[in-house]
Amino acid sequence: MFITILHGDHEKTLFNSHCKVEVLLNSIKQCCGCEPEGMIDLTDESGQFKNLLNYPKLYASELLKPQETYIPFTITRPEGSSELVYVALLKDDENTDSKLLATLKLGGNSNSSVSEKQPKPGKTKRKSLTSEVLNRKAN
């Protein structure tokens, strides 16, 4: 059972989903150049977050559909903030970002706006979303 991860500059990588969620996420982090201790989650093409961090010991194949395409997001919490920031691991592509931002869904509360994370020198500009923005988009 394989899934496709869309990342970087229109890159697609196949991953075997018949493994524990934490193993799959670690493999995706390594492939995408994320920090090993960083947090990531996946969305399907409809923008639904899979909340995989809640199920690290389950097999990913129980939570993800085979032969589907998923988009990885890093999850960070800025110092002094209770709000989570989600950043897609895609290079800046206005068409992809617009479609993705319009469909992202994460349940819960709803009051904030879309923010754009400032890129570090030499890094790719990526759209970032706060958990409140995602909540509003889900409603």
Protein backbone atom coordinates (compact mmCIF):
# COMPACT_ATOMS: atom_id res chain seq x y z
CA MET A 1 0.00 0.00 0.00
CA PHE A 2 1.57 3.21 -1.17
CA ILE A 3 0.70 6.88 -0.84
CA THR A 4 2.07 9.85 -2.78
CA ILE A 5 3.49 12.85 -0.94
CA LEU A 6 3.50 16.14 -2.87
CA HIS A 7 6.31 18.41 -1.66
CA GLY A 8 8.97 20.90 -2.70
CA ASP A 9 8.82 22.19 -6.26
CA HIS A 10 6.16 19.86 -7.72
CA GLU A 11 7.99 16.79 -6.40
CA LYS A 12 6.09 13.58 -5.75
CA THR A 13 7.48 10.80 -3.61
CA LEU A 14 5.93 7.38 -2.96
CA PHE A 15 5.84 6.07 0.60
CA ASN A 16 4.77 2.70 1.91
CA SER A 17 1.88 3.33 4.32
CA HIS A 18 2.00 -0.17 5.80
CA CYS A 19 4.06 0.97 8.79
CA LYS A 20 3.49 2.79 12.06
CA VAL A 21 2.49 6.47 11.73
CA GLU A 22 5.60 7.69 13.57
CA VAL A 23 7.85 5.77 11.15
CA LEU A 24 6.03 7.19 8.12
CA LEU A 25 6.17 10.77 9.45
CA ASN A 26 9.90 10.41 10.23
CA SER A 27 10.52 9.19 6.68
CA ILE A 28 8.56 12.10 5.23
CA LYS A 29 10.45 14.59 7.43
CA GLN A 30 13.76 13.17 6.23
CA CYS A 31 12.68 13.29 2.57
CA CYS A 32 11.43 16.89 2.89
CA GLY A 33 14.45 18.14 4.85
CA CYS A 34 12.57 18.81 8.10
CA GLU A 35 14.13 18.78 11.55
CA PRO A 36 13.86 15.27 13.06
CA GLU A 37 12.25 16.64 16.23
CA GLY A 38 9.81 18.83 14.28
CA MET A 39 6.11 18.06 13.99
CA ILE A 40 4.34 17.44 10.70
CA ASP A 41 0.89 16.34 9.60
CA LEU A 42 -0.67 15.53 6.25
CA THR A 43 -3.70 16.84 4.41
CA ASP A 44 -5.49 15.04 1.63
CA GLU A 45 -6.25 16.82 -1.63
CA SER A 46 -9.58 18.04 -0.25
CA GLY A 47 -7.67 19.90 2.51
CA GLN A 48 -8.66 17.60 5.39
CA PHE A 49 -5.91 17.28 8.01
CA LYS A 50 -5.31 13.65 9.02
CA ASN A 51 -4.21 14.44 12.62
CA LEU A 52 -1.64 11.66 12.45
CA LEU A 53 0.24 12.90 15.51
CA ASN A 54 -2.68 11.66 17.62
CA TYR A 55 -2.06 8.07 16.46
CA PRO A 56 1.71 7.41 16.39
CA LYS A 57 1.44 3.69 17.15
CA LEU A 58 -1.31 2.85 14.62
CA TYR A 59 -0.47 1.65 11.15
CA ALA A 60 -0.68 4.55 8.70
CA SER A 61 -2.58 2.29 6.29
CA GLU A 62 -5.47 2.32 8.80
CA LEU A 63 -5.71 6.12 8.54
CA LEU A 64 -4.65 6.88 4.98
CA LYS A 65 -6.17 5.67 1.74
CA PRO A 66 -3.84 3.76 -0.58
CA GLN A 67 -2.84 5.45 -3.84
CA GLU A 68 -3.97 8.87 -2.56
CA THR A 69 -1.92 12.06 -2.68
CA TYR A 70 -1.14 13.96 0.53
CA ILE A 71 0.54 17.28 1.31
CA PRO A 72 2.82 17.56 4.37
CA PHE A 73 2.65 20.56 6.73
CA THR A 74 5.08 21.50 9.49
CA ILE A 75 3.44 22.46 12.76
CA THR A 76 5.09 25.01 15.04
CA ARG A 77 4.09 27.06 18.05
CA PRO A 78 5.84 30.46 18.16
CA GLU A 79 7.30 31.44 21.54
CA GLY A 80 4.77 33.16 23.77
CA SER A 81 1.83 32.01 21.64
CA SER A 82 -0.79 29.35 22.18
CA GLU A 83 -1.60 29.37 18.47
CA LEU A 84 -0.20 26.70 16.14
CA VAL A 85 1.24 27.69 12.76
CA TYR A 86 0.93 25.29 9.81
CA VAL A 87 3.32 25.64 6.87
CA ALA A 88 2.90 23.58 3.69
CA LEU A 89 6.08 21.88 2.53
CA LEU A 90 5.52 23.13 -1.01
CA LYS A 91 7.48 25.80 -2.83
CA ASP A 92 5.58 29.04 -3.42
CA ASP A 93 3.16 28.38 -6.27
CA GLU A 94 0.23 30.77 -6.36
CA ASN A 95 -2.14 28.29 -8.05
CA THR A 96 -1.41 25.46 -5.62
CA ASP A 97 -1.41 27.75 -2.59
CA SER A 98 -4.72 29.42 -3.52
CA LYS A 99 -6.47 26.12 -4.11
CA LEU A 100 -4.97 24.59 -0.97
CA LEU A 101 -5.74 27.57 1.26
CA ALA A 102 -9.32 27.57 0.03
CA THR A 103 -9.87 23.95 1.02
CA LEU A 104 -7.96 23.43 4.30
CA LYS A 105 -10.08 22.02 7.10
CA LEU A 106 -9.33 21.65 10.78
CA GLY A 107 -12.19 21.49 13.29
CA GLY A 108 -12.68 23.86 16.22
CA ASN A 109 -12.81 27.59 16.94
CA SER A 110 -12.80 30.33 14.33
CA ASN A 111 -11.26 33.82 14.54
CA SER A 112 -8.03 34.95 12.88
CA SER A 113 -6.55 35.67 9.47
CA VAL A 114 -4.15 33.99 7.09
CA SER A 115 -0.57 34.93 7.80
CA GLU A 116 2.41 34.53 5.55
CA LYS A 117 5.60 33.31 7.13
CA GLN A 118 8.66 35.34 6.18
CA PRO A 119 11.25 33.06 4.60
CA LYS A 120 14.74 32.71 6.00
CA PRO A 121 17.51 33.74 3.60
CA GLY A 122 18.01 31.02 1.01
CA LYS A 123 14.75 29.33 1.96
CA THR A 124 11.61 28.92 -0.10
CA LYS A 125 8.71 31.25 0.66
CA ARG A 126 5.85 29.16 2.03
CA LYS A 127 2.32 30.00 3.02
CA SER A 128 1.57 29.49 6.68
CA LEU A 129 -1.71 29.27 8.47
CA THR A 130 -2.61 29.59 12.09
CA SER A 131 -4.85 27.05 13.76
CA GLU A 132 -7.54 29.72 14.11
CA VAL A 133 -7.54 30.37 10.35
CA LEU A 134 -7.86 26.66 9.67
CA ASN A 135 -10.75 26.45 12.12
CA ARG A 136 -12.54 29.31 10.36
CA LYS A 137 -12.05 27.68 6.95
CA ALA A 138 -13.60 24.45 8.29
CA ASN A 139 -16.82 26.28 9.24
